Amino acid sequence: MEDKEKENSKDIVTDLTSEEDQEEEMFGIISELPEEKREIVERFMYQSFQMRATITPESEVSKKITSDHITKYIDASEKEMELSYKDKEKTRKFNIIVIIGCFVFFTLLIFMLKSSPNILERIVTSVVSLIAGALGGYGYGTSKR
């Protein structure tokens, strides 16, 4: 009985040597199935062909990624995080310097124009209106996002 099984397996292997032979045999087997089962098998085959077709270049590239690539990516991410932190720190320092500069400018302006309150009132009103408009526009813009 084992000899008969070996012969059958050899026949199957030799019969399926080319893709064309496989396709012919597959369609022959499918055509012998009852109608209901044939539709199920055809649907399954169609889905499996679609799955093969959905192989993306990204998945092909991901198969070639090595531990060196991952190490380089982690190192680059770490460096980017450090640079981002330094950039935020510099931006914070710049903003503090600008705020201090504006405060000093307005303090000097108030001391210089102490003697003429009409001019001082107009300047302060204009500056406060400018700041309120800028902050209001900023708030409106961020709420729209």
Protein backbone atom coordinates (compact mmCIF):
# COMPACT_ATOMS: atom_id res chain seq x y z
CA MET A 1 0.00 0.00 0.00
CA GLU A 2 2.89 2.36 0.72
CA ASP A 3 4.24 1.79 -2.79
CA LYS A 4 0.91 2.81 -4.28
CA GLU A 5 0.87 6.03 -2.19
CA LYS A 6 4.44 6.84 -3.28
CA GLU A 7 3.49 6.35 -6.93
CA ASN A 8 0.46 8.60 -6.54
CA SER A 9 2.55 11.32 -4.90
CA LYS A 10 5.18 11.04 -7.67
CA ASP A 11 2.45 11.32 -10.29
CA ILE A 12 1.07 14.43 -8.63
CA VAL A 13 4.51 16.06 -8.42
CA THR A 14 5.40 15.29 -12.04
CA ASP A 15 1.97 16.38 -13.28
CA LEU A 16 2.29 19.76 -11.58
CA THR A 17 5.67 20.76 -12.91
CA SER A 18 4.54 23.86 -14.72
CA GLU A 19 2.07 26.59 -13.91
CA GLU A 20 0.04 25.85 -17.00
CA ASP A 21 -0.39 22.24 -15.93
CA GLN A 22 -1.48 23.42 -12.48
CA GLU A 23 -4.01 25.83 -13.93
CA GLU A 24 -5.44 23.21 -16.29
CA GLU A 25 -5.79 20.66 -13.53
CA MET A 26 -7.29 23.23 -11.17
CA PHE A 27 -9.92 24.33 -13.68
CA GLY A 28 -10.64 20.68 -14.52
CA ILE A 29 -11.27 19.88 -10.88
CA ILE A 30 -13.39 22.99 -10.40
CA SER A 31 -15.53 22.21 -13.43
CA GLU A 32 -16.35 18.77 -11.96
CA LEU A 33 -17.73 20.31 -8.74
CA PRO A 34 -21.45 20.88 -8.23
CA GLU A 35 -22.64 24.43 -9.05
CA GLU A 36 -23.00 25.62 -5.43
CA LYS A 37 -19.58 24.37 -4.35
CA ARG A 38 -17.98 25.66 -7.56
CA GLU A 39 -19.18 29.19 -6.79
CA ILE A 40 -17.76 28.97 -3.26
CA VAL A 41 -14.39 27.70 -4.51
CA GLU A 42 -14.24 30.34 -7.26
CA ARG A 43 -15.04 33.08 -4.74
CA PHE A 44 -12.32 31.78 -2.43
CA MET A 45 -9.81 31.62 -5.28
CA TYR A 46 -10.70 35.14 -6.36
CA GLN A 47 -10.10 36.40 -2.82
CA SER A 48 -6.76 34.60 -2.58
CA PHE A 49 -5.66 36.13 -5.91
CA GLN A 50 -6.63 39.55 -4.61
CA MET A 51 -4.60 38.97 -1.46
CA ARG A 52 -1.54 38.19 -3.56
CA ALA A 53 -2.11 41.31 -5.65
CA THR A 54 -2.25 43.55 -2.57
CA ILE A 55 1.41 43.01 -1.74
CA THR A 56 2.73 46.54 -1.51
CA PRO A 57 6.24 47.80 -2.10
CA GLU A 58 6.32 48.81 1.57
CA SER A 59 5.85 45.21 2.65
CA GLU A 60 8.60 44.13 0.30
CA VAL A 61 10.92 46.74 1.78
CA SER A 62 9.97 45.79 5.31
CA LYS A 63 11.16 42.25 4.62
CA LYS A 64 14.65 43.62 3.91
CA ILE A 65 14.97 45.67 7.12
CA THR A 66 17.82 44.53 9.35
CA SER A 67 18.81 45.33 12.92
CA ASP A 68 21.34 47.86 11.56
CA HIS A 69 18.54 49.77 9.87
CA ILE A 70 16.53 49.82 13.08
CA THR A 71 19.56 51.00 15.06
CA LYS A 72 20.20 53.81 12.57
CA TYR A 73 16.53 54.81 12.71
CA ILE A 74 16.57 54.92 16.52
CA ASP A 75 19.79 56.97 16.53
CA ALA A 76 18.35 59.43 14.02
CA SER A 77 15.12 59.71 16.05
CA GLU A 78 17.11 60.35 19.20
CA LYS A 79 19.12 63.09 17.50
CA GLU A 80 15.94 64.65 16.10
CA MET A 81 14.42 64.70 19.60
CA GLU A 82 17.52 66.43 20.99
CA LEU A 83 17.43 69.05 18.23
CA SER A 84 13.72 69.59 18.77
CA TYR A 85 14.30 70.13 22.48
CA LYS A 86 17.11 72.63 21.79
CA ASP A 87 14.90 74.47 19.30
CA LYS A 88 12.06 74.75 21.81
CA GLU A 89 14.50 75.98 24.45
CA LYS A 90 15.87 78.67 22.10
CA THR A 91 12.33 79.74 21.15
CA ARG A 92 11.39 80.02 24.83
CA LYS A 93 14.48 82.15 25.56
CA PHE A 94 13.74 84.38 22.58
CA ASN A 95 10.14 84.92 23.68
CA ILE A 96 11.27 85.84 27.20
CA ILE A 97 13.77 88.34 25.81
CA VAL A 98 11.08 89.91 23.58
CA ILE A 99 8.64 90.19 26.50
CA ILE A 100 11.28 91.77 28.73
CA GLY A 101 12.25 94.16 25.91
CA CYS A 102 8.62 95.22 25.40
CA PHE A 103 8.16 95.72 29.13
CA VAL A 104 11.28 97.89 29.34
CA PHE A 105 10.18 99.91 26.27
CA PHE A 106 6.71 100.60 27.68
CA THR A 107 8.12 101.46 31.11
CA LEU A 108 10.49 103.99 29.52
CA LEU A 109 7.66 105.35 27.40
CA ILE A 110 5.48 105.87 30.46
CA PHE A 111 8.27 107.67 32.35
CA MET A 112 9.08 109.86 29.34
CA LEU A 113 5.46 110.84 28.70
CA LYS A 114 4.44 111.37 32.34
CA SER A 115 4.13 115.08 31.74
CA SER A 116 1.68 114.72 28.81
CA PRO A 117 -1.13 112.33 29.80
CA ASN A 118 -3.17 112.95 26.58
CA ILE A 119 -0.43 111.51 24.35
CA LEU A 120 0.26 108.72 26.82
CA GLU A 121 -3.44 107.81 26.92
CA ARG A 122 -3.63 107.57 23.11
CA ILE A 123 -0.48 105.46 22.87
CA VAL A 124 -1.56 103.11 25.66
CA THR A 125 -5.03 102.77 24.13
CA SER A 126 -3.53 101.98 20.72
CA VAL A 127 -1.08 99.43 22.12
CA VAL A 128 -3.73 97.70 24.26
CA SER A 129 -6.07 97.58 21.23
CA LEU A 130 -3.28 96.11 19.09
CA ILE A 131 -2.50 93.44 21.69
CA ALA A 132 -6.18 92.58 22.21
CA GLY A 133 -6.74 92.30 18.45
CA ALA A 134 -3.68 90.11 18.01
CA LEU A 135 -4.65 87.79 20.86
CA GLY A 136 -8.27 87.70 19.69
CA GLY A 137 -7.22 86.86 16.13
CA TYR A 138 -4.87 84.18 17.40
CA GLY A 139 -7.63 82.67 19.55
CA TYR A 140 -10.09 82.78 16.67
CA GLY A 141 -7.59 81.14 14.33
CA THR A 142 -6.78 78.33 16.73
CA SER A 143 -10.46 77.65 17.40
CA LYS A 144 -11.08 77.22 13.66
CA ARG A 145 -8.46 74.48 13.34
